[in-house]
């Protein structure tokens, strides 16, 4: 078997100049997937602004807006193992019902 110098497997390594030319012609990163738009294409006009909404009605205070009730419920659920087992569990509806009845 004779070994040929023109074999594809035994090609000489590329020089630095050839490597720069090869790297500059191939796009890298996201440039491989996105091509720049031609300069002659017009820009797409922006859509018109959305219509203005009517003003929201003023907020009426209800008992559910009370932050103290949320704190009590959160505290009870966080430390439920510290309280005695005979103490009933109160949820936010139970507390609101108790406040509304008094």
PDB file of N, CA and C in Angstrom:
ATOM      1  N   UNK A   1       0.839  -1.177   0.000  1.00  0.00           N
ATOM      2  CA  UNK A   1       0.000   0.000   0.000  1.00  0.00           C
ATOM      3  C   UNK A   1       0.874   1.226   0.000  1.00  0.00           C
ATOM      4  N   UNK A   2       0.536   2.141  -0.838  1.00  0.00           N
ATOM      5  CA  UNK A   2       1.313   3.373  -0.898  1.00  0.00           C
ATOM      6  C   UNK A   2       0.525   4.497  -0.236  1.00  0.00           C
ATOM      7  N   UNK A   3       1.257   5.369   0.444  1.00  0.00           N
ATOM      8  CA  UNK A   3       0.638   6.485   1.134  1.00  0.00           C
ATOM      9  C   UNK A   3       0.740   7.698   0.227  1.00  0.00           C
ATOM     10  N   UNK A   4      -0.390   8.315  -0.048  1.00  0.00           N
ATOM     11  CA  UNK A   4      -0.404   9.464  -0.940  1.00  0.00           C
ATOM     12  C   UNK A   4      -0.387  10.744  -0.119  1.00  0.00           C
ATOM     13  N   UNK A   5       0.363  11.738  -0.599  1.00  0.00           N
ATOM     14  CA  UNK A   5       0.400  13.033   0.091  1.00  0.00           C
ATOM     15  C   UNK A   5      -0.888  13.818  -0.119  1.00  0.00           C
ATOM     16  N   UNK A   6      -1.652  13.466  -1.122  1.00  0.00           N
ATOM     17  CA  UNK A   6      -2.879  14.198  -1.414  1.00  0.00           C
ATOM     18  C   UNK A   6      -4.092  13.602  -0.710  1.00  0.00           C
ATOM     19  N   UNK A   7      -3.855  12.734   0.239  1.00  0.00           N
ATOM     20  CA  UNK A   7      -4.945  12.121   0.972  1.00  0.00           C
ATOM     21  C   UNK A   7      -5.686  13.173   1.792  1.00  0.00           C
ATOM     22  N   UNK A   8      -6.996  13.011   1.946  1.00  0.00           N
ATOM     23  CA  UNK A   8      -7.794  13.958   2.719  1.00  0.00           C
ATOM     24  C   UNK A   8      -7.441  13.911   4.193  1.00  0.00           C
ATOM     25  N   UNK A   9      -7.023  12.770   4.660  1.00  0.00           N
ATOM     26  CA  UNK A   9      -6.715  12.616   6.069  1.00  0.00           C
ATOM     27  C   UNK A   9      -5.374  13.225   6.448  1.00  0.00           C
ATOM     28  N   UNK A  10      -4.494  13.359   5.507  1.00  0.00           N
ATOM     29  CA  UNK A  10      -3.168  13.878   5.814  1.00  0.00           C
ATOM     30  C   UNK A  10      -2.963  15.281   5.257  1.00  0.00           C
ATOM     31  N   UNK A  11      -3.971  16.129   5.290  1.00  0.00           N
ATOM     32  CA  UNK A  11      -3.807  17.491   4.790  1.00  0.00           C
ATOM     33  C   UNK A  11      -3.030  18.312   5.809  1.00  0.00           C
ATOM     34  N   UNK A  12      -2.239  19.279   5.351  1.00  0.00           N
ATOM     35  CA  UNK A  12      -1.426  20.079   6.271  1.00  0.00           C
ATOM     36  C   UNK A  12      -2.313  20.980   7.126  1.00  0.00           C
ATOM     37  N   UNK A  13      -1.899  21.300   8.327  1.00  0.00           N
ATOM     38  CA  UNK A  13      -2.697  22.190   9.178  1.00  0.00           C
ATOM     39  C   UNK A  13      -2.782  23.585   8.576  1.00  0.00           C
ATOM     40  N   UNK A  14      -3.866  24.272   8.850  1.00  0.00           N
ATOM     41  CA  UNK A  14      -4.049  25.611   8.306  1.00  0.00           C
ATOM     42  C   UNK A  14      -3.188  26.606   9.059  1.00  0.00           C
ATOM     43  N   UNK A  15      -2.816  27.657   8.372  1.00  0.00           N
ATOM     44  CA  UNK A  15      -2.020  28.704   9.002  1.00  0.00           C
ATOM     45  C   UNK A  15      -2.944  29.685   9.694  1.00  0.00           C
ATOM     46  N   UNK A  16      -2.387  30.612  10.450  1.00  0.00           N
ATOM     47  CA  UNK A  16      -3.188  31.597  11.180  1.00  0.00           C
ATOM     48  C   UNK A  16      -3.984  32.474  10.234  1.00  0.00           C
ATOM     49  N   UNK A  17      -3.387  32.845   9.106  1.00  0.00           N
ATOM     50  CA  UNK A  17      -4.094  33.706   8.147  1.00  0.00           C
ATOM     51  C   UNK A  17      -5.295  32.988   7.550  1.00  0.00           C
ATOM     52  N   UNK A  18      -5.125  31.726   7.223  1.00  0.00           N
ATOM     53  CA  UNK A  18      -6.234  30.973   6.648  1.00  0.00           C
ATOM     54  C   UNK A  18      -7.336  30.758   7.682  1.00  0.00           C
ATOM     55  N   UNK A  19      -6.971  30.565   8.932  1.00  0.00           N
ATOM     56  CA  UNK A  19      -7.969  30.371   9.985  1.00  0.00           C
ATOM     57  C   UNK A  19      -8.801  31.629  10.191  1.00  0.00           C
ATOM     58  N   UNK A  20      -8.182  32.804  10.114  1.00  0.00           N
ATOM     59  CA  UNK A  20      -8.930  34.058  10.259  1.00  0.00           C
ATOM     60  C   UNK A  20      -9.919  34.244   9.128  1.00  0.00           C
ATOM     61  N   UNK A  21      -9.524  33.887   7.912  1.00  0.00           N
ATOM     62  CA  UNK A  21     -10.422  34.028   6.767  1.00  0.00           C
ATOM     63  C   UNK A  21     -11.592  33.065   6.908  1.00  0.00           C
ATOM     64  N   UNK A  22     -11.325  31.841   7.354  1.00  0.00           N
ATOM     65  CA  UNK A  22     -12.403  30.870   7.520  1.00  0.00           C
ATOM     66  C   UNK A  22     -13.369  31.294   8.616  1.00  0.00           C
ATOM     67  N   UNK A  23     -12.848  31.842   9.704  1.00  0.00           N
ATOM     68  CA  UNK A  23     -13.708  32.254  10.810  1.00  0.00           C
ATOM     69  C   UNK A  23     -14.529  33.480  10.464  1.00  0.00           C
ATOM     70  N   UNK A  24     -13.995  34.384   9.669  1.00  0.00           N
ATOM     71  CA  UNK A  24     -14.719  35.616   9.360  1.00  0.00           C
ATOM     72  C   UNK A  24     -15.848  35.374   8.367  1.00  0.00           C
ATOM     73  N   UNK A  25     -15.759  34.344   7.545  1.00  0.00           N
ATOM     74  CA  UNK A  25     -16.810  34.102   6.574  1.00  0.00           C
ATOM     75  C   UNK A  25     -17.994  33.369   7.188  1.00  0.00           C
ATOM     76  N   UNK A  26     -17.772  32.606   8.265  1.00  0.00           N
ATOM     77  CA  UNK A  26     -18.863  31.874   8.901  1.00  0.00           C
ATOM     78  C   UNK A  26     -19.481  32.729  10.006  1.00  0.00           C
ATOM     79  N   UNK A  27     -20.802  32.920   9.974  1.00  0.00           N
ATOM     80  CA  UNK A  27     -21.427  33.655  11.080  1.00  0.00           C
ATOM     81  C   UNK A  27     -21.377  32.823  12.359  1.00  0.00           C
ATOM     82  N   UNK A  28     -21.296  33.514  13.469  1.00  0.00           N
ATOM     83  CA  UNK A  28     -21.226  32.814  14.742  1.00  0.00           C
ATOM     84  C   UNK A  28     -22.323  33.324  15.666  1.00  0.00           C
ATOM     85  N   UNK A  29     -22.630  32.545  16.685  1.00  0.00           N
ATOM     86  CA  UNK A  29     -23.643  32.945  17.656  1.00  0.00           C
ATOM     87  C   UNK A  29     -25.024  32.982  17.029  1.00  0.00           C
ATOM     88  N   UNK A  30     -25.793  34.007  17.371  1.00  0.00           N
ATOM     89  CA  UNK A  30     -27.153  34.147  16.840  1.00  0.00           C
ATOM     90  C   UNK A  30     -27.160  34.577  15.382  1.00  0.00           C
ATOM     91  N   UNK A  31     -26.029  35.097  14.895  1.00  0.00           N
ATOM     92  CA  UNK A  31     -25.960  35.510  13.497  1.00  0.00           C
ATOM     93  C   UNK A  31     -26.148  34.325  12.557  1.00  0.00           C
ATOM     94  N   UNK A  32     -25.920  33.107  13.053  1.00  0.00           N
ATOM     95  CA  UNK A  32     -26.136  31.934  12.216  1.00  0.00           C
ATOM     96  C   UNK A  32     -27.616  31.761  11.896  1.00  0.00           C
ATOM     97  N   UNK A  33     -28.491  32.225  12.759  1.00  0.00           N
ATOM     98  CA  UNK A  33     -29.926  31.994  12.592  1.00  0.00           C
ATOM     99  C   UNK A  33     -30.680  33.208  12.052  1.00  0.00           C
ATOM    100  N   UNK A  34     -30.154  34.394  12.290  1.00  0.00           N
ATOM    101  CA  UNK A  34     -30.850  35.612  11.869  1.00  0.00           C
ATOM    102  C   UNK A  34     -30.008  36.346  10.840  1.00  0.00           C
ATOM    103  N   UNK A  35     -30.633  36.692   9.753  1.00  0.00           N
ATOM    104  CA  UNK A  35     -29.943  37.442   8.716  1.00  0.00           C
ATOM    105  C   UNK A  35     -30.424  38.884   8.773  1.00  0.00           C
ATOM    106  N   UNK A  36     -29.541  39.850   8.513  1.00  0.00           N
ATOM    107  CA  UNK A  36     -29.978  41.246   8.552  1.00  0.00           C
ATOM    108  C   UNK A  36     -30.980  41.536   7.435  1.00  0.00           C
ATOM    109  N   UNK A  37     -31.918  42.416   7.721  1.00  0.00           N
ATOM    110  CA  UNK A  37     -32.933  42.778   6.739  1.00  0.00           C
ATOM    111  C   UNK A  37     -32.296  43.613   5.645  1.00  0.00           C
ATOM    112  N   UNK A  38     -32.769  43.456   4.426  1.00  0.00           N
ATOM    113  CA  UNK A  38     -32.247  44.296   3.342  1.00  0.00           C
ATOM    114  C   UNK A  38     -32.519  45.766   3.635  1.00  0.00           C
ATOM    115  N   UNK A  39     -31.633  46.623   3.155  1.00  0.00           N
ATOM    116  CA  UNK A  39     -31.740  48.049   3.480  1.00  0.00           C
ATOM    117  C   UNK A  39     -32.891  48.735   2.759  1.00  0.00           C
ATOM    118  N   UNK A  40     -33.427  48.150   1.721  1.00  0.00           N
ATOM    119  CA  UNK A  40     -34.491  48.786   0.963  1.00  0.00           C
ATOM    120  C   UNK A  40     -35.885  48.515   1.505  1.00  0.00           C
ATOM    121  N   UNK A  41     -36.027  47.656   2.507  1.00  0.00           N
ATOM    122  CA  UNK A  41     -37.359  47.332   3.014  1.00  0.00           C
ATOM    123  C   UNK A  41     -37.850  48.424   3.966  1.00  0.00           C
ATOM    124  N   UNK A  42     -39.129  48.807   3.845  1.00  0.00           N
ATOM    125  CA  UNK A  42     -39.659  49.842   4.754  1.00  0.00           C
ATOM    126  C   UNK A  42     -39.923  49.251   6.129  1.00  0.00           C
ATOM    127  N   UNK A  43     -39.895  50.101   7.147  1.00  0.00           N
ATOM    128  CA  UNK A  43     -40.196  49.657   8.508  1.00  0.00           C
ATOM    129  C   UNK A  43     -41.690  49.440   8.658  1.00  0.00           C
ATOM    130  N   UNK A  44     -42.058  48.510   9.505  1.00  0.00           N
ATOM    131  CA  UNK A  44     -43.461  48.221   9.766  1.00  0.00           C
ATOM    132  C   UNK A  44     -44.009  49.342  10.653  1.00  0.00           C
ATOM    133  N   UNK A  45     -45.133  49.945  10.253  1.00  0.00           N
ATOM    134  CA  UNK A  45     -45.671  51.024  11.095  1.00  0.00           C
ATOM    135  C   UNK A  45     -46.147  50.478  12.434  1.00  0.00           C
ATOM    136  N   UNK A  46     -45.963  51.258  13.474  1.00  0.00           N
ATOM    137  CA  UNK A  46     -46.380  50.810  14.800  1.00  0.00           C
ATOM    138  C   UNK A  46     -47.904  50.824  14.899  1.00  0.00           C
ATOM    139  N   UNK A  47     -48.435  49.961  15.741  1.00  0.00           N
ATOM    140  CA  UNK A  47     -49.877  49.867  15.896  1.00  0.00           C
ATOM    141  C   UNK A  47     -50.387  51.096  16.655  1.00  0.00           C
ATOM    142  N   UNK A  48     -51.645  51.434  16.476  1.00  0.00           N
ATOM    143  CA  UNK A  48     -52.184  52.601  17.183  1.00  0.00           C
ATOM    144  C   UNK A  48     -52.234  52.332  18.680  1.00  0.00           C
ATOM    145  N   UNK A  49     -52.194  53.379  19.487  1.00  0.00           N
ATOM    146  CA  UNK A  49     -52.230  53.165  20.942  1.00  0.00           C
ATOM    147  C   UNK A  49     -53.565  52.545  21.357  1.00  0.00           C
ATOM    148  N   UNK A  50     -53.573  51.765  22.429  1.00  0.00           N
ATOM    149  CA  UNK A  50     -54.821  51.140  22.864  1.00  0.00           C
ATOM    150  C   UNK A  50     -55.810  52.206  23.339  1.00  0.00           C
ATOM    151  N   UNK A  51     -57.111  51.921  23.215  1.00  0.00           N
ATOM    152  CA  UNK A  51     -58.094  52.905  23.666  1.00  0.00           C
ATOM    153  C   UNK A  51     -58.020  53.085  25.177  1.00  0.00           C
ATOM    154  N   UNK A  52     -58.346  54.279  25.632  1.00  0.00           N
ATOM    155  CA  UNK A  52     -58.298  54.567  27.065  1.00  0.00           C
ATOM    156  C   UNK A  52     -59.481  53.914  27.761  1.00  0.00           C
ATOM    157  N   UNK A  53     -59.194  53.341  28.922  1.00  0.00           N
ATOM    158  CA  UNK A  53     -60.240  52.695  29.707  1.00  0.00           C
ATOM    159  C   UNK A  53     -60.935  53.732  30.584  1.00  0.00           C
ATOM    160  N   UNK A  54     -62.185  53.473  30.909  1.00  0.00           N
ATOM    161  CA  UNK A  54     -62.845  54.385  31.850  1.00  0.00           C
ATOM    162  C   UNK A  54     -62.215  54.239  33.239  1.00  0.00           C
ATOM    163  N   UNK A  55     -62.333  55.261  34.034  1.00  0.00           N
ATOM    164  CA  UNK A  55     -61.751  55.249  35.377  1.00  0.00           C
ATOM    165  C   UNK A  55     -62.411  54.174  36.230  1.00  0.00           C
ATOM    166  N   UNK A  56     -61.626  53.566  37.083  1.00  0.00           N
ATOM    167  CA  UNK A  56     -62.149  52.538  37.981  1.00  0.00           C
ATOM    168  C   UNK A  56     -63.031  53.182  39.047  1.00  0.00           C
ATOM    169  N   UNK A  57     -64.060  52.471  39.489  1.00  0.00           N
ATOM    170  CA  UNK A  57     -64.890  53.038  40.557  1.00  0.00           C
ATOM    171  C   UNK A  57     -64.080  53.102  41.853  1.00  0.00           C
ATOM    172  N   UNK A  58     -64.418  53.999  42.741  1.00  0.00           N
ATOM    173  CA  UNK A  58     -63.667  54.091  43.998  1.00  0.00           C
ATOM    174  C   UNK A  58     -63.818  52.803  44.804  1.00  0.00           C
ATOM    175  N   UNK A  59     -62.760  52.449  45.489  1.00  0.00           N
ATOM    176  CA  UNK A  59     -62.751  51.209  46.262  1.00  0.00           C
ATOM    177  C   UNK A  59     -63.527  51.395  47.557  1.00  0.00           C
ATOM    178  N   UNK A  60     -64.441  50.493  47.785  1.00  0.00           N
ATOM    179  CA  UNK A  60     -65.198  50.518  49.028  1.00  0.00           C
ATOM    180  C   UNK A  60     -64.530  49.570  50.014  1.00  0.00           C
ATOM    181  N   UNK A  61     -64.290  50.032  51.214  1.00  0.00           N
ATOM    182  CA  UNK A  61     -63.628  49.234  52.234  1.00  0.00           C
ATOM    183  C   UNK A  61     -64.552  48.114  52.694  1.00  0.00           C
ATOM    184  N   UNK A  62     -64.024  46.914  52.727  1.00  0.00           N
ATOM    185  CA  UNK A  62     -64.746  45.773  53.283  1.00  0.00           C
ATOM    186  C   UNK A  62     -63.857  45.154  54.350  1.00  0.00           C
ATOM    187  N   UNK A  63     -64.430  44.318  55.158  1.00  0.00           N
ATOM    188  CA  UNK A  63     -63.697  43.721  56.265  1.00  0.00           C
ATOM    189  C   UNK A  63     -62.548  42.840  55.775  1.00  0.00           C
ATOM    190  N   UNK A  64     -62.680  42.278  54.586  1.00  0.00           N
ATOM    191  CA  UNK A  64     -61.620  41.426  54.046  1.00  0.00           C
ATOM    192  C   UNK A  64     -60.354  42.215  53.746  1.00  0.00           C
ATOM    193  N   UNK A  65     -60.437  43.541  53.625  1.00  0.00           N
ATOM    194  CA  UNK A  65     -59.258  44.369  53.366  1.00  0.00           C
ATOM    195  C   UNK A  65     -58.421  44.603  54.616  1.00  0.00           C
ATOM    196  N   UNK A  66     -58.926  44.225  55.767  1.00  0.00           N
ATOM    197  CA  UNK A  66     -58.229  44.474  57.014  1.00  0.00           C
ATOM    198  C   UNK A  66     -56.971  43.605  57.090  1.00  0.00           C
ATOM    199  N   UNK A  67     -55.815  44.238  57.223  1.00  0.00           N
ATOM    200  CA  UNK A  67     -54.547  43.508  57.276  1.00  0.00           C
ATOM    201  C   UNK A  67     -54.381  42.760  58.591  1.00  0.00           C
ATOM    202  N   UNK A  68     -55.072  43.194  59.632  1.00  0.00           N
ATOM    203  CA  UNK A  68     -54.953  42.511  60.924  1.00  0.00           C
ATOM    204  C   UNK A  68     -55.507  41.090  60.859  1.00  0.00           C
ATOM    205  N   UNK A  69     -56.583  40.900  60.105  1.00  0.00           N
ATOM    206  CA  UNK A  69     -57.157  39.557  59.970  1.00  0.00           C
ATOM    207  C   UNK A  69     -56.181  38.647  59.250  1.00  0.00           C
ATOM    208  N   UNK A  70     -55.555  39.157  58.195  1.00  0.00           N
ATOM    209  CA  UNK A  70     -54.568  38.348  57.472  1.00  0.00           C
ATOM    210  C   UNK A  70     -53.393  37.994  58.372  1.00  0.00           C
ATOM    211  N   UNK A  71     -52.974  38.928  59.202  1.00  0.00           N
ATOM    212  CA  UNK A  71     -51.857  38.658  60.108  1.00  0.00           C
ATOM    213  C   UNK A  71     -52.224  37.587  61.137  1.00  0.00           C
ATOM    214  N   UNK A  72     -53.426  37.689  61.696  1.00  0.00           N
ATOM    215  CA  UNK A  72     -53.860  36.711  62.704  1.00  0.00           C
ATOM    216  C   UNK A  72     -53.915  35.314  62.108  1.00  0.00           C
ATOM    217  N   UNK A  73     -54.480  35.197  60.921  1.00  0.00           N
ATOM    218  CA  UNK A  73     -54.592  33.893  60.273  1.00  0.00           C
ATOM    219  C   UNK A  73     -53.211  33.337  59.944  1.00  0.00           C
ATOM    220  N   UNK A  74     -52.316  34.195  59.448  1.00  0.00           N
ATOM    221  CA  UNK A  74     -50.965  33.761  59.121  1.00  0.00           C
ATOM    222  C   UNK A  74     -50.225  33.320  60.383  1.00  0.00           C
ATOM    223  N   UNK A  75     -50.377  34.074  61.446  1.00  0.00           N
ATOM    224  CA  UNK A  75     -49.717  33.741  62.701  1.00  0.00           C
ATOM    225  C   UNK A  75     -50.207  32.396  63.230  1.00  0.00           C
ATOM    226  N   UNK A  76     -51.531  32.197  63.192  1.00  0.00           N
ATOM    227  CA  UNK A  76     -52.104  30.944  63.688  1.00  0.00           C
ATOM    228  C   UNK A  76     -51.646  29.754  62.855  1.00  0.00           C
ATOM    229  N   UNK A  77     -51.586  29.926  61.539  1.00  0.00           N
ATOM    230  CA  UNK A  77     -51.181  28.800  60.707  1.00  0.00           C
ATOM    231  C   UNK A  77     -49.690  28.509  60.838  1.00  0.00           C
ATOM    232  N   UNK A  78     -48.891  29.539  61.092  1.00  0.00           N
ATOM    233  CA  UNK A  78     -47.439  29.340  61.232  1.00  0.00           C
ATOM    234  C   UNK A  78     -47.100  28.655  62.553  1.00  0.00           C
ATOM    235  N   UNK A  79     -47.780  29.025  63.602  1.00  0.00           N
ATOM    236  CA  UNK A  79     -47.467  28.501  64.926  1.00  0.00           C
ATOM    237  C   UNK A  79     -48.556  27.570  65.451  1.00  0.00           C
ATOM    238  N   UNK A  80     -49.202  26.820  64.570  1.00  0.00           N
ATOM    239  CA  UNK A  80     -50.293  25.947  65.008  1.00  0.00           C
ATOM    240  C   UNK A  80     -49.819  24.854  65.956  1.00  0.00           C
ATOM    241  N   UNK A  81     -48.565  24.425  65.866  1.00  0.00           N
ATOM    242  CA  UNK A  81     -48.099  23.362  66.750  1.00  0.00           C
ATOM    243  C   UNK A  81     -47.799  23.863  68.163  1.00  0.00           C
ATOM    244  N   UNK A  82     -47.727  25.172  68.372  1.00  0.00           N
ATOM    245  CA  UNK A  82     -47.465  25.734  69.697  1.00  0.00           C
ATOM    246  C   UNK A  82     -48.769  25.853  70.490  1.00  0.00           C
ATOM    247  N   UNK A  83     -49.865  26.092  69.801  1.00  0.00           N
ATOM    248  CA  UNK A  83     -51.147  26.246  70.475  1.00  0.00           C
ATOM    249  C   UNK A  83     -51.652  24.888  70.956  1.00  0.00           C
ATOM    250  N   UNK A  84     -52.446  24.885  72.011  1.00  0.00           N
ATOM    251  CA  UNK A  84     -52.984  23.605  72.503  1.00  0.00           C
ATOM    252  C   UNK A  84     -53.903  22.970  71.459  1.00  0.00           C
ATOM    253  N   UNK A  85     -53.938  21.644  71.460  1.00  0.00           N
ATOM    254  CA  UNK A  85     -54.750  20.922  70.477  1.00  0.00           C
ATOM    255  C   UNK A  85     -56.242  21.150  70.688  1.00  0.00           C
ATOM    256  N   UNK A  86     -56.646  21.497  71.906  1.00  0.00           N
ATOM    257  CA  UNK A  86     -58.064  21.719  72.176  1.00  0.00           C
ATOM    258  C   UNK A  86     -58.563  23.052  71.626  1.00  0.00           C
ATOM    259  N   UNK A  87     -57.653  23.953  71.258  1.00  0.00           N
ATOM    260  CA  UNK A  87     -58.034  25.255  70.712  1.00  0.00           C
ATOM    261  C   UNK A  87     -58.498  25.073  69.267  1.00  0.00           C
ATOM    262  N   UNK A  88     -59.716  25.500  68.937  1.00  0.00           N
ATOM    263  CA  UNK A  88     -60.198  25.291  67.567  1.00  0.00           C
ATOM    264  C   UNK A  88     -59.436  26.174  66.576  1.00  0.00           C
ATOM    265  N   UNK A  89     -59.374  25.699  65.346  1.00  0.00           N
ATOM    266  CA  UNK A  89     -58.709  26.458  64.283  1.00  0.00           C
ATOM    267  C   UNK A  89     -59.687  27.487  63.715  1.00  0.00           C
ATOM    268  N   UNK A  90     -59.249  28.722  63.653  1.00  0.00           N
ATOM    269  CA  UNK A  90     -60.075  29.789  63.105  1.00  0.00           C
ATOM    270  C   UNK A  90     -59.487  30.239  61.784  1.00  0.00           C
ATOM    271  N   UNK A  91     -60.320  30.273  60.760  1.00  0.00           N
ATOM    272  CA  UNK A  91     -59.913  30.778  59.460  1.00  0.00           C
ATOM    273  C   UNK A  91     -60.341  32.224  59.310  1.00  0.00           C
ATOM    274  N   UNK A  92     -60.024  32.849  58.181  1.00  0.00           N
ATOM    275  CA  UNK A  92     -60.388  34.251  57.991  1.00  0.00           C
ATOM    276  C   UNK A  92     -61.898  34.479  57.995  1.00  0.00           C
ATOM    277  N   UNK A  93     -62.657  33.528  57.471  1.00  0.00           N
ATOM    278  CA  UNK A  93     -64.109  33.693  57.469  1.00  0.00           C
ATOM    279  C   UNK A  93     -64.656  33.653  58.890  1.00  0.00           C
ATOM    280  N   UNK A  94     -64.087  32.809  59.737  1.00  0.00           N
ATOM    281  CA  UNK A  94     -64.545  32.727  61.127  1.00  0.00           C
ATOM    282  C   UNK A  94     -64.282  34.036  61.864  1.00  0.00           C
ATOM    283  N   UNK A  95     -63.125  34.624  61.632  1.00  0.00           N
ATOM    284  CA  UNK A  95     -62.790  35.888  62.303  1.00  0.00           C
ATOM    285  C   UNK A  95     -63.690  37.005  61.797  1.00  0.00           C
ATOM    286  N   UNK A  96     -63.917  37.055  60.467  1.00  0.00           N
ATOM    287  CA  UNK A  96     -64.796  38.096  59.911  1.00  0.00           C
ATOM    288  C   UNK A  96     -66.216  37.939  60.440  1.00  0.00           C
ATOM    289  N   UNK A  97     -66.688  36.713  60.524  1.00  0.00           N
ATOM    290  CA  UNK A  97     -68.041  36.477  61.027  1.00  0.00           C
ATOM    291  C   UNK A  97     -68.148  36.914  62.479  1.00  0.00           C
ATOM    292  N   UNK A  98     -67.104  36.633  63.273  1.00  0.00           N
ATOM    293  CA  UNK A  98     -67.122  37.036  64.676  1.00  0.00           C
ATOM    294  C   UNK A  98     -67.095  38.549  64.826  1.00  0.00           C
ATOM    295  N   UNK A  99     -66.354  39.262  63.982  1.00  0.00           N
ATOM    296  CA  UNK A  99     -66.311  40.727  64.056  1.00  0.00           C
ATOM    297  C   UNK A  99     -67.631  41.319  63.588  1.00  0.00           C
ATOM    298  N   UNK A 100     -68.212  40.758  62.548  1.00  0.00           N
ATOM    299  CA  UNK A 100     -69.458  41.290  62.001  1.00  0.00           C
ATOM    300  C   UNK A 100     -70.625  41.079  62.960  1.00  0.00           C
ATOM    301  N   UNK A 101     -70.610  40.022  63.754  1.00  0.00           N
ATOM    302  CA  UNK A 101     -71.717  39.744  64.661  1.00  0.00           C
ATOM    303  C   UNK A 101     -71.677  40.618  65.919  1.00  0.00           C
ATOM    304  N   UNK A 102     -70.526  41.157  66.243  1.00  0.00           N
ATOM    305  CA  UNK A 102     -70.455  41.998  67.455  1.00  0.00           C
ATOM    306  C   UNK A 102     -70.774  43.433  67.167  1.00  0.00           C
TER     307      UNK A 102
END
